Amino acid sequence: MIKQIAVFLENREGRVSECCKVLKDAGINLRSMSIADTKDFGILRIITDDNELALSALKTAGFLSSLVELVAIEVPDKSGALADLLIALYEGSVNIEYMYSFAGANGHAQIGFKTTSPEKAVALLEQCGAKLI
């Protein structure tokens, strides 16, 4: 399991840059970023090199934010590798709420996803031989 920060943002010009400036000023390095938006607001999901410090800095600056646990796996860079793992999760009745990838190493992608059944997801992935991060 890894932790990400979810930040609730008003959907207005400059809001993402304001958030990133807070992190920059706190000396935080961003490792991954994803934004889901609607007409009025968005959720910025980030993984940093120091999530606790980042969360503190964001809250101090007035950003509504929280820590969220993700199941994280390393997926080989080959056709069907991710599909095989997702099929196993589906067949094991694990629902994925959202997922995104982030920088990997050694020819592997790293994927994080949110689920309501993280322990079950980890057990199924271990049975498949997936490398958990």
C-alpha atoms as a PDB file:
ATOM      1  CA  MET A   1       0.000   0.000   0.000  1.00  0.00           C
ATOM      2  CA  ILE A   2       1.116   3.527  -0.727  1.00  0.00           C
ATOM      3  CA  LYS A   3      -0.367   6.817   0.322  1.00  0.00           C
ATOM      4  CA  GLN A   4      -1.579   9.593  -1.907  1.00  0.00           C
ATOM      5  CA  ILE A   5      -2.959  12.999  -1.093  1.00  0.00           C
ATOM      6  CA  ALA A   6      -6.389  13.963  -2.384  1.00  0.00           C
ATOM      7  CA  VAL A   7      -6.919  17.715  -2.659  1.00  0.00           C
ATOM      8  CA  PHE A   8     -10.348  19.225  -3.283  1.00  0.00           C
ATOM      9  CA  LEU A   9      -9.997  22.220  -5.618  1.00  0.00           C
ATOM     10  CA  GLU A  10     -12.438  24.753  -6.956  1.00  0.00           C
ATOM     11  CA  ASN A  11     -12.448  24.571 -10.742  1.00  0.00           C
ATOM     12  CA  ARG A  12     -11.020  28.007 -11.375  1.00  0.00           C
ATOM     13  CA  GLU A  13      -8.018  29.387 -13.201  1.00  0.00           C
ATOM     14  CA  GLY A  14      -4.724  29.101 -11.336  1.00  0.00           C
ATOM     15  CA  ARG A  15      -5.909  26.831  -8.516  1.00  0.00           C
ATOM     16  CA  VAL A  16      -3.651  23.904  -9.469  1.00  0.00           C
ATOM     17  CA  SER A  17      -0.626  26.175  -9.751  1.00  0.00           C
ATOM     18  CA  GLU A  18      -1.423  27.672  -6.310  1.00  0.00           C
ATOM     19  CA  CYS A  19      -1.443  24.161  -4.850  1.00  0.00           C
ATOM     20  CA  CYS A  20       1.817  23.233  -6.566  1.00  0.00           C
ATOM     21  CA  LYS A  21       3.439  26.467  -5.352  1.00  0.00           C
ATOM     22  CA  VAL A  22       2.604  25.530  -1.737  1.00  0.00           C
ATOM     23  CA  LEU A  23       4.340  22.193  -2.273  1.00  0.00           C
ATOM     24  CA  LYS A  24       7.317  23.825  -3.998  1.00  0.00           C
ATOM     25  CA  ASP A  25       7.726  26.308  -1.148  1.00  0.00           C
ATOM     26  CA  ALA A  26       7.682  23.392   1.334  1.00  0.00           C
ATOM     27  CA  GLY A  27      10.457  21.624  -0.622  1.00  0.00           C
ATOM     28  CA  ILE A  28       8.158  18.790  -1.702  1.00  0.00           C
ATOM     29  CA  ASN A  29       8.906  16.781  -4.849  1.00  0.00           C
ATOM     30  CA  LEU A  30       5.883  15.567  -6.829  1.00  0.00           C
ATOM     31  CA  ARG A  31       6.118  11.961  -7.989  1.00  0.00           C
ATOM     32  CA  SER A  32       2.665  11.661  -9.561  1.00  0.00           C
ATOM     33  CA  MET A  33      -0.338  13.834 -10.272  1.00  0.00           C
ATOM     34  CA  SER A  34      -3.832  13.198 -11.579  1.00  0.00           C
ATOM     35  CA  ILE A  35      -6.855  15.474 -11.787  1.00  0.00           C
ATOM     36  CA  ALA A  36     -10.505  14.459 -12.030  1.00  0.00           C
ATOM     37  CA  ASP A  37     -12.814  17.394 -12.596  1.00  0.00           C
ATOM     38  CA  THR A  38     -16.413  18.495 -12.914  1.00  0.00           C
ATOM     39  CA  LYS A  39     -17.773  21.885 -13.920  1.00  0.00           C
ATOM     40  CA  ASP A  40     -17.361  23.361 -10.435  1.00  0.00           C
ATOM     41  CA  PHE A  41     -14.588  21.417  -8.685  1.00  0.00           C
ATOM     42  CA  GLY A  42     -11.822  18.897  -9.119  1.00  0.00           C
ATOM     43  CA  ILE A  43      -9.898  16.376  -7.101  1.00  0.00           C
ATOM     44  CA  LEU A  44      -6.153  16.577  -7.455  1.00  0.00           C
ATOM     45  CA  ARG A  45      -4.487  13.298  -6.521  1.00  0.00           C
ATOM     46  CA  ILE A  46      -0.764  13.454  -5.847  1.00  0.00           C
ATOM     47  CA  ILE A  47       2.024  11.254  -4.576  1.00  0.00           C
ATOM     48  CA  THR A  48       5.045  13.075  -3.195  1.00  0.00           C
ATOM     49  CA  ASP A  49       8.404  12.314  -1.664  1.00  0.00           C
ATOM     50  CA  ASP A  50       7.005  13.326   1.758  1.00  0.00           C
ATOM     51  CA  ASN A  51       3.226  13.005   1.967  1.00  0.00           C
ATOM     52  CA  GLU A  52       3.001  13.930   5.661  1.00  0.00           C
ATOM     53  CA  LEU A  53       4.856  17.223   5.156  1.00  0.00           C
ATOM     54  CA  ALA A  54       2.917  17.902   1.953  1.00  0.00           C
ATOM     55  CA  LEU A  55      -0.420  17.313   3.682  1.00  0.00           C
ATOM     56  CA  SER A  56       0.555  19.626   6.529  1.00  0.00           C
ATOM     57  CA  ALA A  57       1.651  22.373   4.118  1.00  0.00           C
ATOM     58  CA  LEU A  58      -1.539  22.083   2.076  1.00  0.00           C
ATOM     59  CA  LYS A  59      -3.786  22.197   5.130  1.00  0.00           C
ATOM     60  CA  THR A  60      -1.882  25.181   6.542  1.00  0.00           C
ATOM     61  CA  ALA A  61      -2.440  26.968   3.212  1.00  0.00           C
ATOM     62  CA  GLY A  62      -6.174  26.275   3.421  1.00  0.00           C
ATOM     63  CA  PHE A  63      -6.481  23.411   0.958  1.00  0.00           C
ATOM     64  CA  LEU A  64      -9.068  20.769   1.870  1.00  0.00           C
ATOM     65  CA  SER A  65      -6.954  17.610   1.623  1.00  0.00           C
ATOM     66  CA  SER A  66      -6.570  14.119   3.057  1.00  0.00           C
ATOM     67  CA  LEU A  67      -4.367  11.018   2.885  1.00  0.00           C
ATOM     68  CA  VAL A  68      -5.745   8.030   1.014  1.00  0.00           C
ATOM     69  CA  GLU A  69      -4.259   4.539   0.798  1.00  0.00           C
ATOM     70  CA  LEU A  70      -3.803   2.945  -2.604  1.00  0.00           C
ATOM     71  CA  VAL A  71      -2.858  -0.552  -3.597  1.00  0.00           C
ATOM     72  CA  ALA A  72       0.223  -0.178  -5.782  1.00  0.00           C
ATOM     73  CA  ILE A  73       1.750  -2.698  -8.148  1.00  0.00           C
ATOM     74  CA  GLU A  74       4.580  -2.858 -10.608  1.00  0.00           C
ATOM     75  CA  VAL A  75       3.516  -4.092 -14.035  1.00  0.00           C
ATOM     76  CA  PRO A  76       5.963  -5.472 -16.606  1.00  0.00           C
ATOM     77  CA  ASP A  77       6.122  -3.571 -19.893  1.00  0.00           C
ATOM     78  CA  LYS A  78       4.546  -6.303 -22.010  1.00  0.00           C
ATOM     79  CA  SER A  79       1.272  -6.745 -23.801  1.00  0.00           C
ATOM     80  CA  GLY A  80      -1.578  -7.891 -21.561  1.00  0.00           C
ATOM     81  CA  ALA A  81       0.292  -7.693 -18.248  1.00  0.00           C
ATOM     82  CA  LEU A  82      -2.069  -5.138 -16.722  1.00  0.00           C
ATOM     83  CA  ALA A  83      -5.134  -6.795 -18.248  1.00  0.00           C
ATOM     84  CA  ASP A  84      -4.255 -10.116 -16.593  1.00  0.00           C
ATOM     85  CA  LEU A  85      -4.094  -8.474 -13.158  1.00  0.00           C
ATOM     86  CA  LEU A  86      -7.305  -6.515 -13.689  1.00  0.00           C
ATOM     87  CA  ILE A  87      -9.108  -9.674 -14.810  1.00  0.00           C
ATOM     88  CA  ALA A  88      -7.971 -11.463 -11.633  1.00  0.00           C
ATOM     89  CA  LEU A  89      -9.290  -8.601  -9.513  1.00  0.00           C
ATOM     90  CA  TYR A  90     -12.598  -8.584 -11.389  1.00  0.00           C
ATOM     91  CA  GLU A  91     -12.982 -12.352 -11.046  1.00  0.00           C
ATOM     92  CA  GLY A  92     -12.259 -11.963  -7.325  1.00  0.00           C
ATOM     93  CA  SER A  93     -15.026  -9.328  -7.072  1.00  0.00           C
ATOM     94  CA  VAL A  94     -12.657  -6.436  -6.323  1.00  0.00           C
ATOM     95  CA  ASN A  95     -14.036  -3.136  -7.586  1.00  0.00           C
ATOM     96  CA  ILE A  96     -11.581  -0.457  -8.661  1.00  0.00           C
ATOM     97  CA  GLU A  97     -12.825   3.059  -7.956  1.00  0.00           C
ATOM     98  CA  TYR A  98     -10.043   4.779  -9.893  1.00  0.00           C
ATOM     99  CA  MET A  99      -6.474   4.142 -10.975  1.00  0.00           C
ATOM    100  CA  TYR A 100      -3.552   5.900 -12.553  1.00  0.00           C
ATOM    101  CA  SER A 101       0.062   5.196 -13.379  1.00  0.00           C
ATOM    102  CA  PHE A 102       3.204   6.905 -12.209  1.00  0.00           C
ATOM    103  CA  ALA A 103       6.896   6.808 -12.967  1.00  0.00           C
ATOM    104  CA  GLY A 104       8.384   3.348 -12.898  1.00  0.00           C
ATOM    105  CA  ALA A 105      11.834   1.874 -13.213  1.00  0.00           C
ATOM    106  CA  ASN A 106      13.564  -0.990 -14.991  1.00  0.00           C
ATOM    107  CA  GLY A 107      11.018  -1.231 -17.809  1.00  0.00           C
ATOM    108  CA  HIS A 108       8.014  -1.493 -15.499  1.00  0.00           C
ATOM    109  CA  ALA A 109       5.028   0.796 -15.054  1.00  0.00           C
ATOM    110  CA  GLN A 110       3.766   1.504 -11.591  1.00  0.00           C
ATOM    111  CA  ILE A 111       0.011   1.588 -11.124  1.00  0.00           C
ATOM    112  CA  GLY A 112      -1.914   2.777  -8.084  1.00  0.00           C
ATOM    113  CA  PHE A 113      -5.601   2.169  -7.580  1.00  0.00           C
ATOM    114  CA  LYS A 114      -8.261   2.823  -4.977  1.00  0.00           C
ATOM    115  CA  THR A 115     -10.583   0.038  -3.933  1.00  0.00           C
ATOM    116  CA  THR A 116     -13.036  -0.605  -1.134  1.00  0.00           C
ATOM    117  CA  SER A 117     -11.409  -4.026  -0.637  1.00  0.00           C
ATOM    118  CA  PRO A 118      -7.661  -3.363  -0.367  1.00  0.00           C
ATOM    119  CA  GLU A 119      -6.811  -6.478   1.671  1.00  0.00           C
ATOM    120  CA  LYS A 120      -8.674  -8.706  -0.777  1.00  0.00           C
ATOM    121  CA  ALA A 121      -6.991  -6.948  -3.715  1.00  0.00           C
ATOM    122  CA  VAL A 122      -3.536  -7.465  -2.189  1.00  0.00           C
ATOM    123  CA  ALA A 123      -4.240 -11.170  -1.576  1.00  0.00           C
ATOM    124  CA  LEU A 124      -5.453 -11.689  -5.152  1.00  0.00           C
ATOM    125  CA  LEU A 125      -2.493  -9.817  -6.611  1.00  0.00           C
ATOM    126  CA  GLU A 126      -0.060 -11.835  -4.503  1.00  0.00           C
ATOM    127  CA  GLN A 127      -1.693 -15.041  -5.802  1.00  0.00           C
ATOM    128  CA  CYS A 128      -1.077 -13.782  -9.349  1.00  0.00           C
ATOM    129  CA  GLY A 129       2.581 -13.152  -8.536  1.00  0.00           C
ATOM    130  CA  ALA A 130       2.244  -9.385  -8.917  1.00  0.00           C
ATOM    131  CA  LYS A 131       4.989  -7.265  -7.430  1.00  0.00           C
ATOM    132  CA  LEU A 132       3.401  -5.011  -4.837  1.00  0.00           C
ATOM    133  CA  ILE A 133       5.081  -1.712  -4.094  1.00  0.00           C
END
